[in-house]
Each structure stands twice: as structure tokens, then as C-alpha cells.
C-alpha atoms as a PDB file:
ATOM      1  CA  MET A   1       6.107  -3.502  -9.797  1.00  0.00           C
ATOM      2  CA  GLY A   2       2.991  -1.553 -10.750  1.00  0.00           C
ATOM      3  CA  GLN A   3       1.136   1.024  -8.705  1.00  0.00           C
ATOM      4  CA  LEU A   4       2.412   1.245  -5.115  1.00  0.00           C
ATOM      5  CA  THR A   5      -0.185   0.072  -2.604  1.00  0.00           C
ATOM      6  CA  ASP A   6      -0.797  -0.704   1.065  1.00  0.00           C
ATOM      7  CA  ALA A   7      -2.570  -3.699   2.561  1.00  0.00           C
ATOM      8  CA  SER A   8      -6.049  -2.866   3.833  1.00  0.00           C
ATOM      9  CA  VAL A   9      -4.800  -3.310   7.408  1.00  0.00           C
ATOM     10  CA  VAL A  10      -2.687  -0.122   7.090  1.00  0.00           C
ATOM     11  CA  LEU A  11      -5.748   2.064   6.522  1.00  0.00           C
ATOM     12  CA  ARG A  12      -7.706   0.110   9.150  1.00  0.00           C
ATOM     13  CA  PHE A  13      -5.004   0.634  11.786  1.00  0.00           C
ATOM     14  CA  GLY A  14      -4.895   4.342  10.972  1.00  0.00           C
ATOM     15  CA  TYR A  15      -8.659   4.556  11.422  1.00  0.00           C
ATOM     16  CA  GLN A  16      -8.513   2.713  14.756  1.00  0.00           C
ATOM     17  CA  ALA A  17      -5.701   4.986  15.956  1.00  0.00           C
ATOM     18  CA  ILE A  18      -7.544   8.242  15.207  1.00  0.00           C
ATOM     19  CA  ARG A  19     -10.655   6.880  16.940  1.00  0.00           C
ATOM     20  CA  LYS A  20      -8.687   5.859  20.023  1.00  0.00           C
ATOM     21  CA  ALA A  21      -6.960   9.258  20.054  1.00  0.00           C
ATOM     22  CA  GLY A  22     -10.372  10.928  20.213  1.00  0.00           C
ATOM     23  CA  LEU A  23      -9.987  12.734  16.883  1.00  0.00           C
ATOM     24  CA  PRO A  24     -12.953  13.401  14.538  1.00  0.00           C
ATOM     25  CA  THR A  25     -12.643  10.292  12.375  1.00  0.00           C
ATOM     26  CA  GLU A  26     -15.324  11.125   9.809  1.00  0.00           C
ATOM     27  CA  GLU A  27     -13.926  14.608   9.216  1.00  0.00           C
ATOM     28  CA  ILE A  28     -10.416  13.245   8.665  1.00  0.00           C
ATOM     29  CA  LEU A  29     -11.574  10.450   6.351  1.00  0.00           C
ATOM     30  CA  THR A  30     -13.821  12.796   4.354  1.00  0.00           C
ATOM     31  CA  LYS A  31     -11.000  15.312   3.906  1.00  0.00           C
ATOM     32  CA  ALA A  32      -8.728  12.439   2.822  1.00  0.00           C
ATOM     33  CA  GLY A  33     -11.308  11.193   0.309  1.00  0.00           C
ATOM     34  CA  VAL A  34     -11.698   7.844   2.083  1.00  0.00           C
ATOM     35  CA  ALA A  35     -15.174   6.312   2.379  1.00  0.00           C
ATOM     36  CA  LEU A  36     -16.063   4.573   5.638  1.00  0.00           C
ATOM     37  CA  ASN A  37     -16.887   1.349   3.789  1.00  0.00           C
ATOM     38  CA  GLN A  38     -13.274   1.203   2.549  1.00  0.00           C
ATOM     39  CA  ILE A  39     -12.133   0.538   6.116  1.00  0.00           C
ATOM     40  CA  ASP A  40     -13.668  -2.934   6.240  1.00  0.00           C
ATOM     41  CA  THR A  41     -12.667  -4.150   2.786  1.00  0.00           C
ATOM     42  CA  ASN A  42      -9.716  -6.434   2.095  1.00  0.00           C
ATOM     43  CA  ALA A  43      -8.733  -4.574  -1.073  1.00  0.00           C
ATOM     44  CA  ARG A  44      -5.323  -2.903  -1.110  1.00  0.00           C
ATOM     45  CA  THR A  45      -5.318   0.878  -1.306  1.00  0.00           C
ATOM     46  CA  PRO A  46      -3.012   3.078  -3.405  1.00  0.00           C
ATOM     47  CA  LEU A  47      -0.173   4.769  -1.538  1.00  0.00           C
ATOM     48  CA  SER A  48      -1.738   8.094  -2.530  1.00  0.00           C
ATOM     49  CA  ALA A  49      -4.581   7.335  -0.082  1.00  0.00           C
ATOM     50  CA  GLN A  50      -2.039   7.150   2.743  1.00  0.00           C
ATOM     51  CA  ASN A  51      -0.617  10.512   1.660  1.00  0.00           C
ATOM     52  CA  ALA A  52      -4.084  12.082   1.736  1.00  0.00           C
ATOM     53  CA  PHE A  53      -4.768  10.498   5.140  1.00  0.00           C
ATOM     54  CA  TRP A  54      -1.698  12.014   6.801  1.00  0.00           C
ATOM     55  CA  ILE A  55      -2.227  15.455   5.298  1.00  0.00           C
ATOM     56  CA  ALA A  56      -5.852  15.438   6.476  1.00  0.00           C
ATOM     57  CA  ALA A  57      -4.902  14.124   9.934  1.00  0.00           C
ATOM     58  CA  GLN A  58      -2.433  16.959  10.480  1.00  0.00           C
ATOM     59  CA  GLU A  59      -4.838  19.618   9.199  1.00  0.00           C
ATOM     60  CA  VAL A  60      -7.776  18.462  11.327  1.00  0.00           C
ATOM     61  CA  SER A  61      -5.780  17.735  14.499  1.00  0.00           C
ATOM     62  CA  ASN A  62      -3.552  20.814  14.116  1.00  0.00           C
ATOM     63  CA  ASP A  63      -0.779  18.595  15.495  1.00  0.00           C
ATOM     64  CA  PRO A  64       2.557  18.858  13.623  1.00  0.00           C
ATOM     65  CA  ASP A  65       3.644  15.626  15.373  1.00  0.00           C
ATOM     66  CA  ILE A  66       0.484  13.691  14.463  1.00  0.00           C
ATOM     67  CA  GLY A  67       2.340  10.610  13.189  1.00  0.00           C
ATOM     68  CA  LEU A  68       4.344  10.290  16.392  1.00  0.00           C
ATOM     69  CA  HIS A  69       1.252  10.715  18.548  1.00  0.00           C
ATOM     70  CA  LEU A  70      -1.069   8.467  16.540  1.00  0.00           C
ATOM     71  CA  GLY A  71       1.578   5.762  16.783  1.00  0.00           C
ATOM     72  CA  GLU A  72       0.887   5.615  20.521  1.00  0.00           C
ATOM     73  CA  HIS A  73      -2.678   4.535  19.724  1.00  0.00           C
ATOM     74  CA  LEU A  74      -1.912   1.910  17.066  1.00  0.00           C
ATOM     75  CA  PRO A  75      -3.366  -1.518  17.885  1.00  0.00           C
ATOM     76  CA  LEU A  76      -0.938  -4.395  18.292  1.00  0.00           C
ATOM     77  CA  TYR A  77      -0.203  -6.036  14.933  1.00  0.00           C
ATOM     78  CA  ARG A  78      -2.045  -9.356  15.178  1.00  0.00           C
ATOM     79  CA  GLY A  79      -3.878 -11.852  13.003  1.00  0.00           C
ATOM     80  CA  GLN A  80      -1.984 -11.275   9.750  1.00  0.00           C
ATOM     81  CA  VAL A  81       0.035 -13.838   7.812  1.00  0.00           C
ATOM     82  CA  ILE A  82       3.350 -12.098   8.581  1.00  0.00           C
ATOM     83  CA  GLU A  83       2.629 -12.219  12.320  1.00  0.00           C
ATOM     84  CA  HIS A  84       1.931 -15.968  12.110  1.00  0.00           C
ATOM     85  CA  LEU A  85       5.078 -16.478  10.045  1.00  0.00           C
ATOM     86  CA  PHE A  86       7.134 -14.493  12.555  1.00  0.00           C
ATOM     87  CA  ILE A  87       5.924 -16.139  15.760  1.00  0.00           C
ATOM     88  CA  SER A  88       6.081 -19.657  14.294  1.00  0.00           C
ATOM     89  CA  SER A  89       9.869 -19.265  14.008  1.00  0.00           C
ATOM     90  CA  GLU A  90      12.279 -20.581  16.621  1.00  0.00           C
ATOM     91  CA  THR A  91      14.019 -17.264  17.353  1.00  0.00           C
ATOM     92  CA  PHE A  92      13.387 -13.547  16.957  1.00  0.00           C
ATOM     93  CA  GLY A  93      16.144 -13.312  14.334  1.00  0.00           C
ATOM     94  CA  GLU A  94      14.700 -16.134  12.228  1.00  0.00           C
ATOM     95  CA  GLY A  95      11.236 -14.632  12.450  1.00  0.00           C
ATOM     96  CA  LEU A  96      12.486 -11.180  11.514  1.00  0.00           C
ATOM     97  CA  LYS A  97      14.312 -12.452   8.428  1.00  0.00           C
ATOM     98  CA  ARG A  98      11.227 -14.354   7.287  1.00  0.00           C
ATOM     99  CA  ALA A  99       8.967 -11.362   7.864  1.00  0.00           C
ATOM    100  CA  LEU A 100      11.283  -9.096   5.863  1.00  0.00           C
ATOM    101  CA  ALA A 101      11.051 -11.472   2.904  1.00  0.00           C
ATOM    102  CA  TYR A 102       7.299 -10.851   2.763  1.00  0.00           C
ATOM    103  CA  GLN A 103       7.079  -7.232   3.986  1.00  0.00           C
ATOM    104  CA  ARG A 104       5.418  -6.143   0.774  1.00  0.00           C
ATOM    105  CA  LEU A 105       2.284  -7.872   2.058  1.00  0.00           C
ATOM    106  CA  ILE A 106       1.968  -4.940   4.490  1.00  0.00           C
ATOM    107  CA  SER A 107       3.020  -2.015   2.325  1.00  0.00           C
ATOM    108  CA  ASP A 108       5.024  -1.132  -0.759  1.00  0.00           C
ATOM    109  CA  ALA A 109       6.391   1.750   1.341  1.00  0.00           C
ATOM    110  CA  PHE A 110       8.503  -0.820   3.214  1.00  0.00           C
ATOM    111  CA  ASP A 111      11.875  -1.897   1.870  1.00  0.00           C
ATOM    112  CA  ALA A 112      13.480  -2.794   5.183  1.00  0.00           C
ATOM    113  CA  LYS A 113      16.681  -4.798   5.589  1.00  0.00           C
ATOM    114  CA  LEU A 114      18.436  -6.268   8.611  1.00  0.00           C
ATOM    115  CA  VAL A 115      22.090  -5.228   8.902  1.00  0.00           C
ATOM    116  CA  VAL A 116      24.597  -6.757  11.322  1.00  0.00           C
ATOM    117  CA  GLU A 117      28.081  -5.250  11.045  1.00  0.00           C
ATOM    118  CA  ASP A 118      30.951  -4.237  13.324  1.00  0.00           C
ATOM    119  CA  GLY A 119      29.036  -5.335  16.405  1.00  0.00           C
ATOM    120  CA  ARG A 120      26.066  -3.152  15.471  1.00  0.00           C
ATOM    121  CA  CYS A 121      22.620  -4.370  14.528  1.00  0.00           C
ATOM    122  CA  TYR A 122      19.882  -2.333  12.901  1.00  0.00           C
ATOM    123  CA  LEU A 123      16.859  -2.358  10.645  1.00  0.00           C
ATOM    124  CA  THR A 124      16.996   0.142   7.797  1.00  0.00           C
ATOM    125  CA  ASN A 125      14.419   1.223   5.250  1.00  0.00           C
ATOM    126  CA  GLY A 126      17.160   2.384   2.886  1.00  0.00           C
ATOM    127  CA  GLU A 127      17.767   5.784   1.335  1.00  0.00           C
ATOM    128  CA  GLN A 128      14.723   7.572  -0.072  1.00  0.00           C
ATOM    129  CA  PHE A 129      14.531  10.500  -2.480  1.00  0.00           C
ATOM    130  CA  TRP A 130      11.456  11.917  -0.719  1.00  0.00           C
ATOM    131  CA  SER A 131      12.904  11.810   2.811  1.00  0.00           C
ATOM    132  CA  ASP A 132      11.811  15.344   3.800  1.00  0.00           C
ATOM    133  CA  ASN A 133       8.288  14.783   2.536  1.00  0.00           C
ATOM    134  CA  LEU A 134       5.755  15.450   5.315  1.00  0.00           C
ATOM    135  CA  VAL A 135       3.994  12.129   4.731  1.00  0.00           C
ATOM    136  CA  ASN A 136       7.282  10.207   5.013  1.00  0.00           C
ATOM    137  CA  ARG A 137       7.806  11.732   8.459  1.00  0.00           C
ATOM    138  CA  HIS A 138       4.319  10.939   9.783  1.00  0.00           C
ATOM    139  CA  PHE A 139       4.278   7.410   8.337  1.00  0.00           C
ATOM    140  CA  SER A 140       7.794   6.623   9.603  1.00  0.00           C
ATOM    141  CA  GLU A 141       7.133   7.887  13.139  1.00  0.00           C
ATOM    142  CA  CYS A 142       3.800   6.094  13.390  1.00  0.00           C
ATOM    143  CA  ALA A 143       5.110   2.833  11.902  1.00  0.00           C
ATOM    144  CA  MET A 144       8.098   2.907  14.263  1.00  0.00           C
ATOM    145  CA  SER A 145       5.747   2.781  17.262  1.00  0.00           C
ATOM    146  CA  GLY A 146       3.890  -0.171  15.757  1.00  0.00           C
ATOM    147  CA  ILE A 147       7.140  -2.025  15.065  1.00  0.00           C
ATOM    148  CA  LEU A 148       8.492  -1.447  18.575  1.00  0.00           C
ATOM    149  CA  ARG A 149       5.229  -2.566  20.187  1.00  0.00           C
ATOM    150  CA  PHE A 150       5.148  -5.772  18.128  1.00  0.00           C
ATOM    151  CA  PHE A 151       8.829  -6.593  18.729  1.00  0.00           C
ATOM    152  CA  LYS A 152       8.443  -6.091  22.483  1.00  0.00           C
ATOM    153  CA  PHE A 153       5.312  -8.243  22.522  1.00  0.00           C
ATOM    154  CA  ILE A 154       6.830 -11.270  20.812  1.00  0.00           C
ATOM    155  CA  THR A 155      10.045 -11.086  22.883  1.00  0.00           C
ATOM    156  CA  GLU A 156       8.201 -10.596  26.191  1.00  0.00           C
ATOM    157  CA  GLY A 157       9.761  -7.155  26.598  1.00  0.00           C
ATOM    158  CA  GLN A 158      13.337  -8.245  25.812  1.00  0.00           C
ATOM    159  CA  PHE A 159      13.539  -6.146  22.649  1.00  0.00           C
ATOM    160  CA  GLN A 160      14.651  -2.605  23.495  1.00  0.00           C
ATOM    161  CA  PRO A 161      15.676   0.084  21.005  1.00  0.00           C
ATOM    162  CA  ILE A 162      19.143   1.587  21.526  1.00  0.00           C
ATOM    163  CA  TYR A 163      18.610   4.599  19.282  1.00  0.00           C
ATOM    164  CA  ILE A 164      16.746   5.582  16.120  1.00  0.00           C
ATOM    165  CA  ASP A 165      17.831   7.502  13.010  1.00  0.00           C
ATOM    166  CA  PHE A 166      15.211   9.229  10.869  1.00  0.00           C
ATOM    167  CA  ASN A 167      15.934  10.412   7.336  1.00  0.00           C
ATOM    168  CA  PHE A 168      13.877  13.614   7.595  1.00  0.00           C
ATOM    169  CA  SER A 169      15.235  16.878   8.973  1.00  0.00           C
ATOM    170  CA  ASP A 170      12.305  18.454  10.828  1.00  0.00           C
ATOM    171  CA  GLY A 171      10.707  16.534  13.667  1.00  0.00           C
ATOM    172  CA  ALA A 172       9.585  16.579  17.283  1.00  0.00           C
ATOM    173  CA  ASP A 173      11.582  17.636  20.350  1.00  0.00           C
ATOM    174  CA  ASP A 174      14.201  15.230  21.692  1.00  0.00           C
ATOM    175  CA  ASP A 175      12.285  14.793  24.953  1.00  0.00           C
ATOM    176  CA  GLU A 176       9.074  13.911  23.112  1.00  0.00           C
ATOM    177  CA  TYR A 177      10.835  11.266  21.029  1.00  0.00           C
ATOM    178  CA  PHE A 178      12.371   9.779  24.166  1.00  0.00           C
ATOM    179  CA  ARG A 179       8.988   9.728  25.908  1.00  0.00           C
ATOM    180  CA  VAL A 180       7.376   7.820  23.025  1.00  0.00           C
ATOM    181  CA  TYR A 181      10.203   5.499  21.941  1.00  0.00           C
ATOM    182  CA  GLY A 182      12.285   5.218  25.110  1.00  0.00           C
ATOM    183  CA  CYS A 183      15.547   5.939  23.280  1.00  0.00           C
ATOM    184  CA  PRO A 184      17.428   8.846  21.650  1.00  0.00           C
ATOM    185  CA  VAL A 185      16.493   9.904  18.099  1.00  0.00           C
ATOM    186  CA  SER A 186      18.694  11.575  15.460  1.00  0.00           C
ATOM    187  CA  LEU A 187      17.140  13.508  12.562  1.00  0.00           C
ATOM    188  CA  GLY A 188      18.499  14.312   9.107  1.00  0.00           C
ATOM    189  CA  GLN A 189      20.289  10.972   8.686  1.00  0.00           C
ATOM    190  CA  LYS A 190      20.812   9.384   5.271  1.00  0.00           C
ATOM    191  CA  ALA A 191      18.475   6.493   6.104  1.00  0.00           C
ATOM    192  CA  THR A 192      15.868   5.588   8.707  1.00  0.00           C
ATOM    193  CA  ARG A 193      17.363   3.008  11.067  1.00  0.00           C
ATOM    194  CA  LEU A 194      16.317   1.227  14.248  1.00  0.00           C
ATOM    195  CA  TYR A 195      19.345   0.108  16.294  1.00  0.00           C
ATOM    196  CA  PHE A 196      19.055  -2.710  18.836  1.00  0.00           C
ATOM    197  CA  ASP A 197      21.161  -5.276  20.692  1.00  0.00           C
ATOM    198  CA  VAL A 198      22.330  -8.048  18.371  1.00  0.00           C
ATOM    199  CA  ALA A 199      21.814 -10.590  21.193  1.00  0.00           C
ATOM    200  CA  VAL A 200      18.026 -10.333  20.866  1.00  0.00           C
ATOM    201  CA  LEU A 201      18.237 -12.027  17.448  1.00  0.00           C
ATOM    202  CA  ASP A 202      18.847 -15.310  19.293  1.00  0.00           C
ATOM    203  CA  TYR A 203      15.946 -14.848  21.689  1.00  0.00           C
ATOM    204  CA  PRO A 204      13.686 -17.967  21.574  1.00  0.00           C
ATOM    205  CA  LEU A 205      10.092 -17.130  20.725  1.00  0.00           C
ATOM    206  CA  TRP A 206       7.598 -18.444  23.256  1.00  0.00           C
ATOM    207  CA  GLN A 207       4.926 -19.038  20.604  1.00  0.00           C
ATOM    208  CA  ALA A 208       7.206 -20.955  18.204  1.00  0.00           C
ATOM    209  CA  GLU A 209       5.329 -23.603  16.201  1.00  0.00           C
ATOM    210  CA  PRO A 210       7.805 -25.160  13.759  1.00  0.00           C
ATOM    211  CA  GLU A 211       5.171 -27.631  12.538  1.00  0.00           C
ATOM    212  CA  LEU A 212       3.035 -24.710  11.291  1.00  0.00           C
ATOM    213  CA  LEU A 213       5.908 -22.720   9.809  1.00  0.00           C
ATOM    214  CA  GLN A 214       5.749 -24.367   6.387  1.00  0.00           C
ATOM    215  CA  LEU A 215       1.997 -23.782   6.217  1.00  0.00           C
ATOM    216  CA  HIS A 216       2.350 -20.082   7.051  1.00  0.00           C
ATOM    217  CA  GLU A 217       5.223 -19.673   4.578  1.00  0.00           C
ATOM    218  CA  GLN A 218       3.211 -21.267   1.786  1.00  0.00           C
ATOM    219  CA  LEU A 219       0.341 -18.894   2.521  1.00  0.00           C
ATOM    220  CA  ALA A 220       2.732 -15.923   2.415  1.00  0.00           C
ATOM    221  CA  ILE A 221       4.085 -17.097  -0.954  1.00  0.00           C
ATOM    222  CA  GLU A 222       0.549 -17.363  -2.326  1.00  0.00           C
ATOM    223  CA  LYS A 223      -0.215 -13.836  -1.083  1.00  0.00           C
ATOM    224  CA  LEU A 224       2.873 -12.494  -2.871  1.00  0.00           C
ATOM    225  CA  GLN A 225       1.801 -14.271  -6.055  1.00  0.00           C
ATOM    226  CA  GLU A 226      -1.599 -12.576  -5.752  1.00  0.00           C
ATOM    227  CA  LEU A 227       0.163  -9.219  -5.549  1.00  0.00           C
ATOM    228  CA  ALA A 228       2.212 -10.029  -8.647  1.00  0.00           C
ATOM    229  CA  ARG A 229      -1.007 -10.741 -10.529  1.00  0.00           C
ATOM    230  CA  TYR A 230      -2.473  -7.482  -9.215  1.00  0.00           C
ATOM    231  CA  ASP A 231       0.633  -5.675 -10.535  1.00  0.00           C
ATOM    232  CA  LEU A 232       0.205  -7.260 -13.956  1.00  0.00           C
ATOM    233  CA  VAL A 233      -3.399  -6.104 -14.265  1.00  0.00           C
ATOM    234  CA  GLY A 234      -2.258  -2.567 -13.425  1.00  0.00           C
ATOM    235  CA  GLU A 235       0.494  -2.727 -16.043  1.00  0.00           C
ATOM    236  CA  VAL A 236      -1.999  -3.915 -18.658  1.00  0.00           C
ATOM    237  CA  ARG A 237      -4.339  -1.024 -17.795  1.00  0.00           C
ATOM    238  CA  ARG A 238      -1.518   1.496 -18.211  1.00  0.00           C
ATOM    239  CA  ALA A 239      -0.471  -0.070 -21.515  1.00  0.00           C
ATOM    240  CA  ILE A 240      -4.066   0.117 -22.732  1.00  0.00           C
ATOM    241  CA  GLY A 241      -4.218   3.785 -21.758  1.00  0.00           C
ATOM    242  CA  SER A 242      -1.100   4.607 -23.749  1.00  0.00           C
ATOM    243  CA  THR A 243      -2.276   2.862 -26.946  1.00  0.00           C
ATOM    244  CA  LEU A 244      -6.044   3.385 -26.934  1.00  0.00           C
ATOM    245  CA  GLU A 245      -6.203   6.413 -29.232  1.00  0.00           C
ATOM    246  CA  SER A 246      -4.063   4.676 -31.843  1.00  0.00           C
ATOM    247  CA  GLY A 247      -6.742   2.063 -32.403  1.00  0.00           C
ATOM    248  CA  GLU A 248      -4.097  -0.660 -32.068  1.00  0.00           C
ATOM    249  CA  THR A 249      -4.923  -1.871 -28.580  1.00  0.00           C
ATOM    250  CA  THR A 250      -4.743  -5.636 -28.867  1.00  0.00           C
ATOM    251  CA  LEU A 251      -3.461  -8.452 -26.713  1.00  0.00           C
ATOM    252  CA  GLU A 252      -0.461  -8.676 -29.032  1.00  0.00           C
ATOM    253  CA  THR A 253       0.486  -4.980 -28.902  1.00  0.00           C
ATOM    254  CA  VAL A 254       0.124  -4.831 -25.118  1.00  0.00           C
ATOM    255  CA  ALA A 255       2.135  -8.045 -24.676  1.00  0.00           C
ATOM    256  CA  ALA A 256       4.905  -6.567 -26.830  1.00  0.00           C
ATOM    257  CA  GLN A 257       4.870  -3.415 -24.701  1.00  0.00           C
ATOM    258  CA  LEU A 258       5.241  -5.550 -21.560  1.00  0.00           C
ATOM    259  CA  SER A 259       7.975  -7.679 -23.192  1.00  0.00           C
ATOM    260  CA  ILE A 260       6.150 -10.985 -22.789  1.00  0.00           C
ATOM    261  CA  THR A 261       4.475 -13.308 -25.274  1.00  0.00           C
ATOM    262  CA  PRO A 262       0.738 -12.982 -25.955  1.00  0.00           C
ATOM    263  CA  ARG A 263       0.232 -16.555 -24.808  1.00  0.00           C
ATOM    264  CA  ARG A 264       2.014 -15.897 -21.505  1.00  0.00           C
ATOM    265  CA  LEU A 265       0.023 -12.702 -20.949  1.00  0.00           C
ATOM    266  CA  ARG A 266      -3.241 -14.528 -21.613  1.00  0.00           C
ATOM    267  CA  THR A 267      -2.277 -17.266 -19.144  1.00  0.00           C
ATOM    268  CA  GLN A 268      -1.217 -14.832 -16.415  1.00  0.00           C
ATOM    269  CA  LEU A 269      -4.419 -12.811 -16.758  1.00  0.00           C
ATOM    270  CA  SER A 270      -6.431 -16.013 -16.535  1.00  0.00           C
ATOM    271  CA  GLU A 271      -4.579 -16.848 -13.303  1.00  0.00           C
ATOM    272  CA  ALA A 272      -5.648 -13.406 -12.047  1.00  0.00           C
ATOM    273  CA  ASN A 273      -9.273 -14.377 -12.798  1.00  0.00           C
ATOM    274  CA  THR A 274      -9.624 -11.876 -15.626  1.00  0.00           C
ATOM    275  CA  SER A 275      -8.862 -11.503 -19.330  1.00  0.00           C
ATOM    276  CA  PHE A 276      -7.481  -8.900 -21.688  1.00  0.00           C
ATOM    277  CA  GLN A 277     -10.931  -8.231 -23.131  1.00  0.00           C
ATOM    278  CA  GLN A 278     -12.398  -7.748 -19.655  1.00  0.00           C
ATOM    279  CA  ILE A 279      -9.691  -5.252 -18.667  1.00  0.00           C
ATOM    280  CA  LEU A 280     -10.044  -3.407 -21.986  1.00  0.00           C
ATOM    281  CA  SER A 281     -13.817  -3.244 -21.663  1.00  0.00           C
ATOM    282  CA  ASP A 282     -13.626  -2.007 -18.056  1.00  0.00           C
ATOM    283  CA  TYR A 283     -11.056   0.641 -19.010  1.00  0.00           C
ATOM    284  CA  ARG A 284     -13.152   1.902 -21.919  1.00  0.00           C
ATOM    285  CA  CYS A 285     -16.278   1.964 -19.763  1.00  0.00           C
ATOM    286  CA  ARG A 286     -14.666   4.017 -16.989  1.00  0.00           C
ATOM    287  CA  LEU A 287     -13.061   6.415 -19.461  1.00  0.00           C
ATOM    288  CA  ALA A 288     -16.285   6.933 -21.401  1.00  0.00           C
ATOM    289  CA  LYS A 289     -18.265   7.591 -18.205  1.00  0.00           C
ATOM    290  CA  LYS A 290     -15.660  10.066 -16.985  1.00  0.00           C
ATOM    291  CA  LEU A 291     -15.582  11.987 -20.276  1.00  0.00           C
ATOM    292  CA  LEU A 292     -19.362  12.099 -20.591  1.00  0.00           C
ATOM    293  CA  ALA A 293     -19.920  13.189 -16.996  1.00  0.00           C
ATOM    294  CA  ASN A 294     -17.081  15.671 -16.552  1.00  0.00           C
ATOM    295  CA  THR A 295     -16.337  17.186 -19.975  1.00  0.00           C
ATOM    296  CA  ASN A 296     -18.105  18.698 -22.958  1.00  0.00           C
ATOM    297  CA  GLU A 297     -16.267  16.506 -25.456  1.00  0.00           C
ATOM    298  CA  SER A 298     -18.503  15.472 -28.328  1.00  0.00           C
ATOM    299  CA  VAL A 299     -19.642  11.866 -28.480  1.00  0.00           C
ATOM    300  CA  GLU A 300     -17.731  11.505 -31.751  1.00  0.00           C
ATOM    301  CA  ARG A 301     -14.547  12.614 -29.994  1.00  0.00           C
ATOM    302  CA  ILE A 302     -15.188  10.217 -27.100  1.00  0.00           C
ATOM    303  CA  VAL A 303     -15.611   7.378 -29.601  1.00  0.00           C
ATOM    304  CA  TYR A 304     -12.072   8.138 -30.797  1.00  0.00           C
ATOM    305  CA  LEU A 305     -10.597   8.605 -27.304  1.00  0.00           C
ATOM    306  CA  THR A 306     -11.969   5.262 -26.114  1.00  0.00           C
ATOM    307  CA  GLY A 307     -10.472   3.440 -29.092  1.00  0.00           C
ATOM    308  CA  PHE A 308     -13.638   2.468 -30.983  1.00  0.00           C
ATOM    309  CA  SER A 309     -13.505   2.448 -34.771  1.00  0.00           C
ATOM    310  CA  GLU A 310     -17.225   3.075 -35.306  1.00  0.00           C
ATOM    311  CA  PRO A 311     -19.783   5.172 -33.358  1.00  0.00           C
ATOM    312  CA  SER A 312     -22.323   2.365 -33.654  1.00  0.00           C
ATOM    313  CA  THR A 313     -19.945  -0.052 -31.906  1.00  0.00           C
ATOM    314  CA  PHE A 314     -19.395   2.462 -29.117  1.00  0.00           C
ATOM    315  CA  TYR A 315     -23.145   3.051 -28.690  1.00  0.00           C
ATOM    316  CA  ARG A 316     -23.846  -0.686 -28.417  1.00  0.00           C
ATOM    317  CA  ALA A 317     -21.032  -1.181 -25.908  1.00  0.00           C
ATOM    318  CA  PHE A 318     -22.122   1.781 -23.773  1.00  0.00           C
ATOM    319  CA  LYS A 319     -25.719   0.584 -23.746  1.00  0.00           C
ATOM    320  CA  ARG A 320     -24.466  -2.828 -22.601  1.00  0.00           C
ATOM    321  CA  TRP A 321     -22.377  -1.250 -19.821  1.00  0.00           C
ATOM    322  CA  THR A 322     -24.957   1.181 -18.429  1.00  0.00           C
ATOM    323  CA  ASN A 323     -28.338   0.341 -19.967  1.00  0.00           C
ATOM    324  CA  GLU A 324     -28.360   3.968 -21.186  1.00  0.00           C
ATOM    325  CA  THR A 325     -27.280   5.755 -24.339  1.00  0.00           C
ATOM    326  CA  PRO A 326     -24.269   8.097 -24.037  1.00  0.00           C
ATOM    327  CA  VAL A 327     -26.586  11.119 -24.421  1.00  0.00           C
ATOM    328  CA  GLU A 328     -28.933   9.875 -21.683  1.00  0.00           C
ATOM    329  CA  TYR A 329     -26.002   9.203 -19.345  1.00  0.00           C
ATOM    330  CA  ARG A 330     -24.516  12.670 -19.913  1.00  0.00           C
ATOM    331  CA  LYS A 331     -27.845  14.425 -19.302  1.00  0.00           C
ATOM    332  CA  ARG A 332     -28.364  12.550 -16.053  1.00  0.00           C
ATOM    333  CA  LYS A 333     -24.849  13.213 -14.772  1.00  0.00           C
ATOM    334  CA  GLN A 334     -24.635  16.872 -15.805  1.00  0.00           C
ATOM    335  CA  ARG A 335     -28.107  18.042 -14.815  1.00  0.00           C
END
């Protein structure tokens, strides 16, 4: 897996929650480095954007329990492929297992598993090395509200949490957790877990549409394949970055670094609607612009850093990218 990302709906739900909570949305988004036009795009966002969002939300709201409280304002999870896959299933348990198979479509922060043992039943997100991270707490508390609301909706209120374990040590008061979740909460546990009655797994879903299940599952598979292609492009970019200065950045050297054949890499990039040359050109363009705008590196040095063998080749490429010479671009950006 390449860079960890969230589906666009994660950022969109966060935006809708802060608006509904009456918080200054533009101030929070600006502090988090998120542009308003990002809210309406379908592009996935890096997990780092979620980190910045939660830090900004706590600073602006001055609420140490901001994740718990924003969770109360999350919209019901509707209209996404996982929702359709879930509610097309015959029972809650079947839907849950199918949804877990495709949870990466929501966020790479999710690695949830259903566990049924010794008469107990729970969802767990596994052990995490960053459990006491502030962002982990806010995201976990907020997501828990969204999960509970969705589970109660599709089971017509039959789903009820028994108790919740969180893997972070510092949190809200017991009474506040009970008010929001309707069950006891334990902090400082080795994993985040949501315990519930095993009987609800057999609850028949009122919206079940078995005839549409195969269609929804095929769509989910295609979405996962899209993510795999997205991962590959990210891996190619990182490989390019590590070999650029050597002057040996070719399809063959990058393929070797990724442990696949050049032919296979070419095919997979074509399936992702791009090519090695396109990714290389885009990488060089962004790097050259960044160095010219933000540093005093000489053009000769930038030629080397961007992997060009001759200054004349670099000048022609830069002119093609920007319709400006490197000197003209630098003057405009640094004035």
C-alpha cells in the first residue's frame, strides 16, 4: 500500500459536522490547510489532511472533546457503495462482513475485524502504535458515533452497544461518554472495540435486495482496483524521487525497484490512465517549480536535481510545462 488516504466523503462529513455544530468552518479549514473547493471533489485526501483537520478543530473550538462532540453532528452514512453493499444483504451480519471486506474504500485508517468468541461479539480496529495520539482519539470518538448511528438505522434501532473500549488513555468523563454513546466506555485498552449482542448478526435487513447484491459487489471490487492503481502511481513517484539525481530514472530501474517486470509496470500504468513518462514529467515539473520558487539554488543545480543531463533539455522541458523560462518563472514567483 502506498500513501495512506481517506475517501473524499470523510472530509466532507467533517465539514458538514462543524457547520452543523455552529463552529467557524472557514477558520478551521484555513488553519488545517484545506481549501473549500476540496470539499466537493471526489479525490481521496492524504491521512495527513485529517490530522491537520482535528488539530485545527480542537484549537479553534477550544474543546478537548471535539471528536466526541462533532460525532453527534455527523450526517447519516448514505449513498456510498459500502452502504448499498451492506443493505442489499439478507442480514446485518452478512452485510457487516461484506462491508469490512471493502472498508478501505472509506479510509486507510480503518482495519476493523469482526470477532465472535466465548459468547462475546465485537468489532475491533486492532492494536495501533500511535494509540495515544490526539488525532487517533478525535477520529475514533467521532467515527464511533457515525458507526453507531448507521448500525441503528439499518437495524431499525435493534443494534445497541453493550460497551466500548478505546485504545487511548486520556478522554472525556464517563458520564459524557454514556450520554453520547448510551453505554459504558473504558480507556487505555490495548485495542479499540465495540461490543454488541451477537444475536443482532442474524437480524434481517428490511432493505435487503439480493438481486442487486452482485452488482454492488462488482462495483466495490472495481473501486478497490482503482485504489490499487492509485497506490501504484504513488509508489512510482516515490521510486522516481529516490533515483532522480542518479540520472538513471528509467522504466526499467523503477520496475526493478518495485520488483515487477517493466512490461507489467507499463501495463498497470496504462490501466491507471497514465504512463511512466507522464509521471516522470509531472514529478520533474513540480520539483523544478518548487525549487525555483522557494530556494536560491542555481538553475544548473536544479538541472541536476531534476535528473536532466543537459541544461538545454531542461530549458525546453520547462518552457513546454509553463510557457516561461526558468529565470522568468523564478522572478515572477519571488518578486
